[in-house]
C-alpha atoms as a PDB file:
ATOM      1  CA  MET A   1      -7.829  -8.878 -11.699  1.00  0.00           C
ATOM      2  CA  ASN A   2      -4.117  -9.214 -12.052  1.00  0.00           C
ATOM      3  CA  PHE A   3      -2.509  -6.085 -11.357  1.00  0.00           C
ATOM      4  CA  GLN A   4       1.391  -5.488 -11.599  1.00  0.00           C
ATOM      5  CA  ILE A   5       3.515  -4.089  -8.987  1.00  0.00           C
ATOM      6  CA  SER A   6       6.624  -1.611  -9.280  1.00  0.00           C
ATOM      7  CA  GLU A   7       9.346   0.182  -7.309  1.00  0.00           C
ATOM      8  CA  SER A   8       8.937   3.805  -7.350  1.00  0.00           C
ATOM      9  CA  ASN A   9      11.235   6.249  -5.329  1.00  0.00           C
ATOM     10  CA  ASP A  10      12.856   5.644  -1.898  1.00  0.00           C
ATOM     11  CA  MET A  11       9.949   7.088   0.718  1.00  0.00           C
ATOM     12  CA  ASN A  12      11.722   7.583   3.980  1.00  0.00           C
ATOM     13  CA  SER A  13      13.665   4.589   3.559  1.00  0.00           C
ATOM     14  CA  GLN A  14      10.867   2.655   2.654  1.00  0.00           C
ATOM     15  CA  GLN A  15      10.273   1.112  -0.796  1.00  0.00           C
ATOM     16  CA  LEU A  16       7.362   3.457  -2.407  1.00  0.00           C
ATOM     17  CA  LYS A  17       5.452   0.538  -4.421  1.00  0.00           C
ATOM     18  CA  VAL A  18       2.847   1.101  -7.208  1.00  0.00           C
ATOM     19  CA  LEU A  19      -0.285  -1.905  -8.245  1.00  0.00           C
ATOM     20  CA  LYS A  20      -1.122  -1.058 -11.650  1.00  0.00           C
ATOM     21  CA  SER A  21      -4.402  -2.069 -13.570  1.00  0.00           C
ATOM     22  CA  PRO A  22      -4.135  -4.045 -16.252  1.00  0.00           C
ATOM     23  CA  ALA A  23      -6.984  -2.917 -17.716  1.00  0.00           C
ATOM     24  CA  THR A  24      -6.633   1.077 -17.159  1.00  0.00           C
ATOM     25  CA  ALA A  25      -3.934   3.952 -16.069  1.00  0.00           C
ATOM     26  CA  SER A  26      -5.167   3.678 -12.773  1.00  0.00           C
ATOM     27  CA  GLN A  27      -2.468   2.851  -9.760  1.00  0.00           C
ATOM     28  CA  LEU A  28      -2.640   2.915  -6.040  1.00  0.00           C
ATOM     29  CA  ALA A  29       0.851   3.693  -4.206  1.00  0.00           C
ATOM     30  CA  PHE A  30       2.051   1.574  -1.059  1.00  0.00           C
ATOM     31  CA  THR A  31       4.961   1.349   1.211  1.00  0.00           C
ATOM     32  CA  SER A  32       5.233  -1.944   2.946  1.00  0.00           C
ATOM     33  CA  TYR A  33       6.954  -2.209   6.604  1.00  0.00           C
ATOM     34  CA  LEU A  34       8.271  -5.595   7.492  1.00  0.00           C
ATOM     35  CA  LYS A  35      11.403  -6.549   9.783  1.00  0.00           C
ATOM     36  CA  GLU A  36      13.871  -7.715   7.875  1.00  0.00           C
ATOM     37  CA  GLY A  37      13.836 -11.282   7.400  1.00  0.00           C
ATOM     38  CA  ALA A  38      11.364 -11.855   9.481  1.00  0.00           C
ATOM     39  CA  THR A  39       8.076 -14.056   8.258  1.00  0.00           C
ATOM     40  CA  PRO A  40       5.028 -11.922   9.780  1.00  0.00           C
ATOM     41  CA  SER A  41       2.022 -13.493  11.226  1.00  0.00           C
ATOM     42  CA  GLU A  42      -0.318 -10.947  10.228  1.00  0.00           C
ATOM     43  CA  ARG A  43      -1.123  -7.975   7.665  1.00  0.00           C
ATOM     44  CA  VAL A  44      -2.038  -5.173   8.652  1.00  0.00           C
ATOM     45  CA  VAL A  45      -3.965  -2.598   6.049  1.00  0.00           C
ATOM     46  CA  MET A  46      -3.809   1.002   7.220  1.00  0.00           C
ATOM     47  CA  ILE A  47      -5.962   3.456   4.877  1.00  0.00           C
ATOM     48  CA  HIS A  48      -5.690   7.142   5.913  1.00  0.00           C
ATOM     49  CA  GLY A  49      -8.498   9.718   6.062  1.00  0.00           C
ATOM     50  CA  PHE A  50      -9.243  12.351   4.260  1.00  0.00           C
ATOM     51  CA  THR A  51      -6.244  15.160   2.978  1.00  0.00           C
ATOM     52  CA  GLN A  52      -3.810  12.618   4.416  1.00  0.00           C
ATOM     53  CA  ASN A  53      -1.704  10.335   2.216  1.00  0.00           C
ATOM     54  CA  GLY A  54      -0.022   6.595   3.364  1.00  0.00           C
ATOM     55  CA  ASP A  55       2.647   7.835   4.834  1.00  0.00           C
ATOM     56  CA  SER A  56       0.518   9.634   7.763  1.00  0.00           C
ATOM     57  CA  TYR A  57       1.248   5.837   9.234  1.00  0.00           C
ATOM     58  CA  ARG A  58       4.727   5.338   9.124  1.00  0.00           C
ATOM     59  CA  ASN A  59       6.390   5.343  12.747  1.00  0.00           C
ATOM     60  CA  ILE A  60       3.038   3.451  14.048  1.00  0.00           C
ATOM     61  CA  ALA A  61       3.840   1.082  11.221  1.00  0.00           C
ATOM     62  CA  ARG A  62       7.490   0.703  12.262  1.00  0.00           C
ATOM     63  CA  VAL A  63       6.731  -0.273  14.997  1.00  0.00           C
ATOM     64  CA  LEU A  64       4.159  -2.726  14.547  1.00  0.00           C
ATOM     65  CA  ALA A  65       6.223  -4.115  12.010  1.00  0.00           C
ATOM     66  CA  SER A  66       9.675  -4.031  14.371  1.00  0.00           C
ATOM     67  CA  GLN A  67       7.914  -4.653  18.122  1.00  0.00           C
ATOM     68  CA  HIS A  68       5.354  -6.969  16.758  1.00  0.00           C
ATOM     69  CA  GLY A  69       6.164  -9.075  13.962  1.00  0.00           C
ATOM     70  CA  LEU A  70       3.414  -7.631  11.169  1.00  0.00           C
ATOM     71  CA  GLU A  71       3.556  -6.664   8.211  1.00  0.00           C
ATOM     72  CA  VAL A  72       1.900  -3.184   7.713  1.00  0.00           C
ATOM     73  CA  VAL A  73       1.041  -1.718   4.401  1.00  0.00           C
ATOM     74  CA  CYS A  74       0.273   2.089   4.292  1.00  0.00           C
ATOM     75  CA  VAL A  75      -1.953   3.178   1.246  1.00  0.00           C
ATOM     76  CA  ASP A  76      -2.142   5.662  -0.680  1.00  0.00           C
ATOM     77  CA  LEU A  77      -6.245   6.003  -1.373  1.00  0.00           C
ATOM     78  CA  PRO A  78      -6.372   6.977  -5.081  1.00  0.00           C
ATOM     79  CA  GLY A  79      -5.842  10.889  -5.773  1.00  0.00           C
ATOM     80  CA  HIS A  80      -3.647  11.289  -2.312  1.00  0.00           C
ATOM     81  CA  GLY A  81       0.121  10.630  -2.474  1.00  0.00           C
ATOM     82  CA  GLY A  82       1.470   8.492  -5.170  1.00  0.00           C
ATOM     83  CA  SER A  83      -1.454   7.250  -6.106  1.00  0.00           C
ATOM     84  CA  SER A  84      -3.217   8.217  -9.557  1.00  0.00           C
ATOM     85  CA  GLU A  85      -7.064   9.021  -9.264  1.00  0.00           C
ATOM     86  CA  ILE A  86      -9.243   5.731 -10.147  1.00  0.00           C
ATOM     87  CA  ALA A  87     -10.022   5.643 -13.864  1.00  0.00           C
ATOM     88  CA  GLU A  88     -12.444   3.361 -13.826  1.00  0.00           C
ATOM     89  CA  GLN A  89     -15.660   2.692 -11.051  1.00  0.00           C
ATOM     90  CA  ILE A  90     -15.079   2.486  -7.618  1.00  0.00           C
ATOM     91  CA  GLU A  91     -15.244  -0.925  -8.180  1.00  0.00           C
ATOM     92  CA  GLU A  92     -11.910  -0.690  -9.264  1.00  0.00           C
ATOM     93  CA  ALA A  93     -10.506   0.631  -6.701  1.00  0.00           C
ATOM     94  CA  THR A  94     -12.421  -2.015  -4.311  1.00  0.00           C
ATOM     95  CA  ASP A  95     -10.172  -4.387  -6.706  1.00  0.00           C
ATOM     96  CA  ILE A  96      -7.079  -3.114  -6.166  1.00  0.00           C
ATOM     97  CA  LEU A  97      -7.353  -2.600  -2.174  1.00  0.00           C
ATOM     98  CA  TRP A  98      -8.654  -6.419  -1.788  1.00  0.00           C
ATOM     99  CA  ARG A  99      -5.281  -7.604  -3.180  1.00  0.00           C
ATOM    100  CA  PHE A 100      -3.883  -6.634  -0.295  1.00  0.00           C
ATOM    101  CA  GLY A 101      -6.055  -8.881   2.029  1.00  0.00           C
ATOM    102  CA  GLN A 102      -4.383 -12.092  -0.484  1.00  0.00           C
ATOM    103  CA  ASP A 103      -1.318 -13.782  -0.274  1.00  0.00           C
ATOM    104  CA  SER A 104       1.441 -12.076  -1.915  1.00  0.00           C
END
């Protein structure tokens, strides 16, 4: 499934981005941290706990990106932060999260 990425509001000097499902109204928000001009050695996906959102990892994400050369993706799980509820089944949420493991 091909997802569309759009930019959202500025959040603490990082752009909140949104993956949108072309089949439904579902969207998953995330913030990506990467040292400017760097080519990441690896991608790390941070997934928050109950009652939190991806911004919970902002400080550690900045350190991992700036000092260790990692791309750090902080996801707002469905129903949290800038993400919508998943309109379909859990399989859709899995498809959206799987997207972060793929090369951009």
